[in-house]
Amino acid sequence: MRPNQISLETAQMMAEKLNMPLEHVMHTPPHILMAKLQQAEAEKSGEEE
């Protein structure tokens, strides 16, 4: 499987938000990354309320 075609800065931001190693972010299918980001944002907004 090819690595994701995203910039290093984007991959680093995703790794930080998702608390995942950079290598995992680069090799996780994009639809799974987007679902995990949405879940992390929902949890973050739930904590702020």
PDB file of N, CA and C in Angstrom:
ATOM      1  N   MET A   1       0.838  -1.181   0.000  1.00  0.00           N
ATOM      2  CA  MET A   1       0.000   0.000   0.000  1.00  0.00           C
ATOM      3  C   MET A   1       0.881   1.241   0.000  1.00  0.00           C
ATOM      4  N   ARG A   2       0.556   2.190  -0.855  1.00  0.00           N
ATOM      5  CA  ARG A   2       1.325   3.428  -0.933  1.00  0.00           C
ATOM      6  C   ARG A   2       1.043   4.325   0.257  1.00  0.00           C
ATOM      7  N   PRO A   3       2.036   5.095   0.674  1.00  0.00           N
ATOM      8  CA  PRO A   3       1.782   6.075   1.743  1.00  0.00           C
ATOM      9  C   PRO A   3       0.793   7.134   1.248  1.00  0.00           C
ATOM     10  N   ASN A   4       0.109   7.776   2.177  1.00  0.00           N
ATOM     11  CA  ASN A   4      -0.815   8.852   1.828  1.00  0.00           C
ATOM     12  C   ASN A   4      -0.066   9.987   1.153  1.00  0.00           C
ATOM     13  N   GLN A   5      -0.730  10.653   0.251  1.00  0.00           N
ATOM     14  CA  GLN A   5      -0.140  11.771  -0.466  1.00  0.00           C
ATOM     15  C   GLN A   5      -0.514  13.083   0.232  1.00  0.00           C
ATOM     16  N   ILE A   6       0.009  13.266   1.444  1.00  0.00           N
ATOM     17  CA  ILE A   6      -0.230  14.480   2.210  1.00  0.00           C
ATOM     18  C   ILE A   6       1.106  15.086   2.575  1.00  0.00           C
ATOM     19  N   SER A   7       1.089  16.372   2.878  1.00  0.00           N
ATOM     20  CA  SER A   7       2.333  17.049   3.222  1.00  0.00           C
ATOM     21  C   SER A   7       2.810  16.620   4.605  1.00  0.00           C
ATOM     22  N   LEU A   8       4.071  16.839   4.847  1.00  0.00           N
ATOM     23  CA  LEU A   8       4.664  16.497   6.138  1.00  0.00           C
ATOM     24  C   LEU A   8       3.992  17.280   7.260  1.00  0.00           C
ATOM     25  N   GLU A   9       3.712  18.555   7.023  1.00  0.00           N
ATOM     26  CA  GLU A   9       3.078  19.380   8.050  1.00  0.00           C
ATOM     27  C   GLU A   9       1.695  18.842   8.409  1.00  0.00           C
ATOM     28  N   THR A  10       0.941  18.443   7.399  1.00  0.00           N
ATOM     29  CA  THR A  10      -0.394  17.895   7.642  1.00  0.00           C
ATOM     30  C   THR A  10      -0.296  16.583   8.402  1.00  0.00           C
ATOM     31  N   ALA A  11       0.628  15.727   8.007  1.00  0.00           N
ATOM     32  CA  ALA A  11       0.806  14.442   8.683  1.00  0.00           C
ATOM     33  C   ALA A  11       1.214  14.652  10.142  1.00  0.00           C
ATOM     34  N   GLN A  12       2.082  15.618  10.393  1.00  0.00           N
ATOM     35  CA  GLN A  12       2.504  15.891  11.768  1.00  0.00           C
ATOM     36  C   GLN A  12       1.342  16.412  12.604  1.00  0.00           C
ATOM     37  N   MET A  13       0.508  17.282  12.024  1.00  0.00           N
ATOM     38  CA  MET A  13      -0.647  17.812  12.729  1.00  0.00           C
ATOM     39  C   MET A  13      -1.614  16.679  13.074  1.00  0.00           C
ATOM     40  N   MET A  14      -1.856  15.786  12.118  1.00  0.00           N
ATOM     41  CA  MET A  14      -2.763  14.662  12.358  1.00  0.00           C
ATOM     42  C   MET A  14      -2.205  13.727  13.429  1.00  0.00           C
ATOM     43  N   ALA A  15      -0.915  13.449  13.368  1.00  0.00           N
ATOM     44  CA  ALA A  15      -0.288  12.566  14.353  1.00  0.00           C
ATOM     45  C   ALA A  15      -0.416  13.152  15.752  1.00  0.00           C
ATOM     46  N   GLU A  16      -0.252  14.454  15.857  1.00  0.00           N
ATOM     47  CA  GLU A  16      -0.355  15.118  17.153  1.00  0.00           C
ATOM     48  C   GLU A  16      -1.791  15.076  17.674  1.00  0.00           C
ATOM     49  N   LYS A  17      -2.764  15.401  16.816  1.00  0.00           N
ATOM     50  CA  LYS A  17      -4.167  15.419  17.237  1.00  0.00           C
ATOM     51  C   LYS A  17      -4.679  14.034  17.584  1.00  0.00           C
ATOM     52  N   LEU A  18      -4.230  13.021  16.824  1.00  0.00           N
ATOM     53  CA  LEU A  18      -4.724  11.668  17.018  1.00  0.00           C
ATOM     54  C   LEU A  18      -3.872  10.859  17.983  1.00  0.00           C
ATOM     55  N   ASN A  19      -2.754  11.447  18.424  1.00  0.00           N
ATOM     56  CA  ASN A  19      -1.834  10.754  19.322  1.00  0.00           C
ATOM     57  C   ASN A  19      -1.383   9.425  18.706  1.00  0.00           C
ATOM     58  N   MET A  20      -0.957   9.512  17.448  1.00  0.00           N
ATOM     59  CA  MET A  20      -0.497   8.339  16.691  1.00  0.00           C
ATOM     60  C   MET A  20       0.908   8.619  16.186  1.00  0.00           C
ATOM     61  N   PRO A  21       1.717   7.585  16.017  1.00  0.00           N
ATOM     62  CA  PRO A  21       3.027   7.791  15.392  1.00  0.00           C
ATOM     63  C   PRO A  21       2.859   8.276  13.949  1.00  0.00           C
ATOM     64  N   LEU A  22       3.779   9.074  13.491  1.00  0.00           N
ATOM     65  CA  LEU A  22       3.731   9.632  12.141  1.00  0.00           C
ATOM     66  C   LEU A  22       3.661   8.531  11.082  1.00  0.00           C
ATOM     67  N   GLU A  23       4.368   7.438  11.308  1.00  0.00           N
ATOM     68  CA  GLU A  23       4.366   6.335  10.334  1.00  0.00           C
ATOM     69  C   GLU A  23       2.976   5.741  10.190  1.00  0.00           C
ATOM     70  N   HIS A  24       2.238   5.652  11.295  1.00  0.00           N
ATOM     71  CA  HIS A  24       0.883   5.106  11.233  1.00  0.00           C
ATOM     72  C   HIS A  24      -0.037   6.038  10.459  1.00  0.00           C
ATOM     73  N   VAL A  25       0.136   7.336  10.665  1.00  0.00           N
ATOM     74  CA  VAL A  25      -0.696   8.309   9.946  1.00  0.00           C
ATOM     75  C   VAL A  25      -0.458   8.184   8.443  1.00  0.00           C
ATOM     76  N   MET A  26       0.788   8.012   8.057  1.00  0.00           N
ATOM     77  CA  MET A  26       1.109   7.954   6.628  1.00  0.00           C
ATOM     78  C   MET A  26       0.575   6.687   5.965  1.00  0.00           C
ATOM     79  N   HIS A  27       0.332   5.634   6.723  1.00  0.00           N
ATOM     80  CA  HIS A  27      -0.091   4.367   6.129  1.00  0.00           C
ATOM     81  C   HIS A  27      -1.524   3.967   6.475  1.00  0.00           C
ATOM     82  N   THR A  28      -2.232   4.817   7.221  1.00  0.00           N
ATOM     83  CA  THR A  28      -3.635   4.543   7.522  1.00  0.00           C
ATOM     84  C   THR A  28      -4.473   5.045   6.353  1.00  0.00           C
ATOM     85  N   PRO A  29      -5.449   4.270   5.904  1.00  0.00           N
ATOM     86  CA  PRO A  29      -6.299   4.723   4.799  1.00  0.00           C
ATOM     87  C   PRO A  29      -6.954   6.075   5.121  1.00  0.00           C
ATOM     88  N   PRO A  30      -7.048   6.944   4.109  1.00  0.00           N
ATOM     89  CA  PRO A  30      -7.566   8.304   4.342  1.00  0.00           C
ATOM     90  C   PRO A  30      -8.961   8.335   4.980  1.00  0.00           C
ATOM     91  N   HIS A  31      -9.856   7.441   4.592  1.00  0.00           N
ATOM     92  CA  HIS A  31     -11.211   7.489   5.159  1.00  0.00           C
ATOM     93  C   HIS A  31     -11.190   7.170   6.656  1.00  0.00           C
ATOM     94  N   ILE A  32     -10.263   6.347   7.098  1.00  0.00           N
ATOM     95  CA  ILE A  32     -10.146   6.042   8.526  1.00  0.00           C
ATOM     96  C   ILE A  32      -9.560   7.241   9.274  1.00  0.00           C
ATOM     97  N   LEU A  33      -8.571   7.900   8.671  1.00  0.00           N
ATOM     98  CA  LEU A  33      -7.998   9.098   9.288  1.00  0.00           C
ATOM     99  C   LEU A  33      -9.059  10.176   9.479  1.00  0.00           C
ATOM    100  N   MET A  34      -9.883  10.388   8.455  1.00  0.00           N
ATOM    101  CA  MET A  34     -10.924  11.416   8.544  1.00  0.00           C
ATOM    102  C   MET A  34     -11.937  11.067   9.640  1.00  0.00           C
ATOM    103  N   ALA A  35     -12.306   9.801   9.753  1.00  0.00           N
ATOM    104  CA  ALA A  35     -13.246   9.384  10.795  1.00  0.00           C
ATOM    105  C   ALA A  35     -12.634   9.605  12.181  1.00  0.00           C
ATOM    106  N   LYS A  36     -11.353   9.283  12.340  1.00  0.00           N
ATOM    107  CA  LYS A  36     -10.689   9.469  13.632  1.00  0.00           C
ATOM    108  C   LYS A  36     -10.569  10.952  13.977  1.00  0.00           C
ATOM    109  N   LEU A  37     -10.283  11.794  12.974  1.00  0.00           N
ATOM    110  CA  LEU A  37     -10.204  13.236  13.215  1.00  0.00           C
ATOM    111  C   LEU A  37     -11.558  13.786  13.635  1.00  0.00           C
ATOM    112  N   GLN A  38     -12.629  13.347  12.984  1.00  0.00           N
ATOM    113  CA  GLN A  38     -13.969  13.803  13.354  1.00  0.00           C
ATOM    114  C   GLN A  38     -14.301  13.388  14.779  1.00  0.00           C
ATOM    115  N   GLN A  39     -13.938  12.171  15.134  1.00  0.00           N
ATOM    116  CA  GLN A  39     -14.203  11.683  16.483  1.00  0.00           C
ATOM    117  C   GLN A  39     -13.406  12.500  17.509  1.00  0.00           C
ATOM    118  N   ALA A  40     -12.153  12.787  17.210  1.00  0.00           N
ATOM    119  CA  ALA A  40     -11.319  13.564  18.133  1.00  0.00           C
ATOM    120  C   ALA A  40     -11.872  14.978  18.296  1.00  0.00           C
ATOM    121  N   GLU A  41     -12.334  15.594  17.207  1.00  0.00           N
ATOM    122  CA  GLU A  41     -12.911  16.935  17.290  1.00  0.00           C
ATOM    123  C   GLU A  41     -14.209  16.924  18.092  1.00  0.00           C
ATOM    124  N   ALA A  42     -15.018  15.879  17.924  1.00  0.00           N
ATOM    125  CA  ALA A  42     -16.282  15.783  18.672  1.00  0.00           C
ATOM    126  C   ALA A  42     -15.990  15.632  20.161  1.00  0.00           C
ATOM    127  N   GLU A  43     -14.989  14.840  20.510  1.00  0.00           N
ATOM    128  CA  GLU A  43     -14.627  14.676  21.910  1.00  0.00           C
ATOM    129  C   GLU A  43     -14.088  15.980  22.491  1.00  0.00           C
ATOM    130  N   LYS A  44     -13.301  16.682  21.688  1.00  0.00           N
ATOM    131  CA  LYS A  44     -12.730  17.957  22.143  1.00  0.00           C
ATOM    132  C   LYS A  44     -13.830  18.986  22.370  1.00  0.00           C
ATOM    133  N   SER A  45     -14.790  19.074  21.449  1.00  0.00           N
ATOM    134  CA  SER A  45     -15.873  20.050  21.604  1.00  0.00           C
ATOM    135  C   SER A  45     -16.786  19.656  22.755  1.00  0.00           C
ATOM    136  N   GLY A  46     -16.921  18.372  23.028  1.00  0.00           N
ATOM    137  CA  GLY A  46     -17.715  17.917  24.160  1.00  0.00           C
ATOM    138  C   GLY A  46     -17.081  18.291  25.491  1.00  0.00           C
ATOM    139  N   GLU A  47     -15.769  18.312  25.546  1.00  0.00           N
ATOM    140  CA  GLU A  47     -15.065  18.681  26.769  1.00  0.00           C
ATOM    141  C   GLU A  47     -15.160  20.172  27.035  1.00  0.00           C
ATOM    142  N   GLU A  48     -15.234  20.975  25.974  1.00  0.00           N
ATOM    143  CA  GLU A  48     -15.263  22.426  26.128  1.00  0.00           C
ATOM    144  C   GLU A  48     -16.605  22.927  26.630  1.00  0.00           C
ATOM    145  N   GLU A  49     -17.667  22.185  26.408  1.00  0.00           N
ATOM    146  CA  GLU A  49     -19.003  22.643  26.803  1.00  0.00           C
ATOM    147  C   GLU A  49     -19.254  22.469  28.270  1.00  0.00           C
TER     148      GLU A  49
END
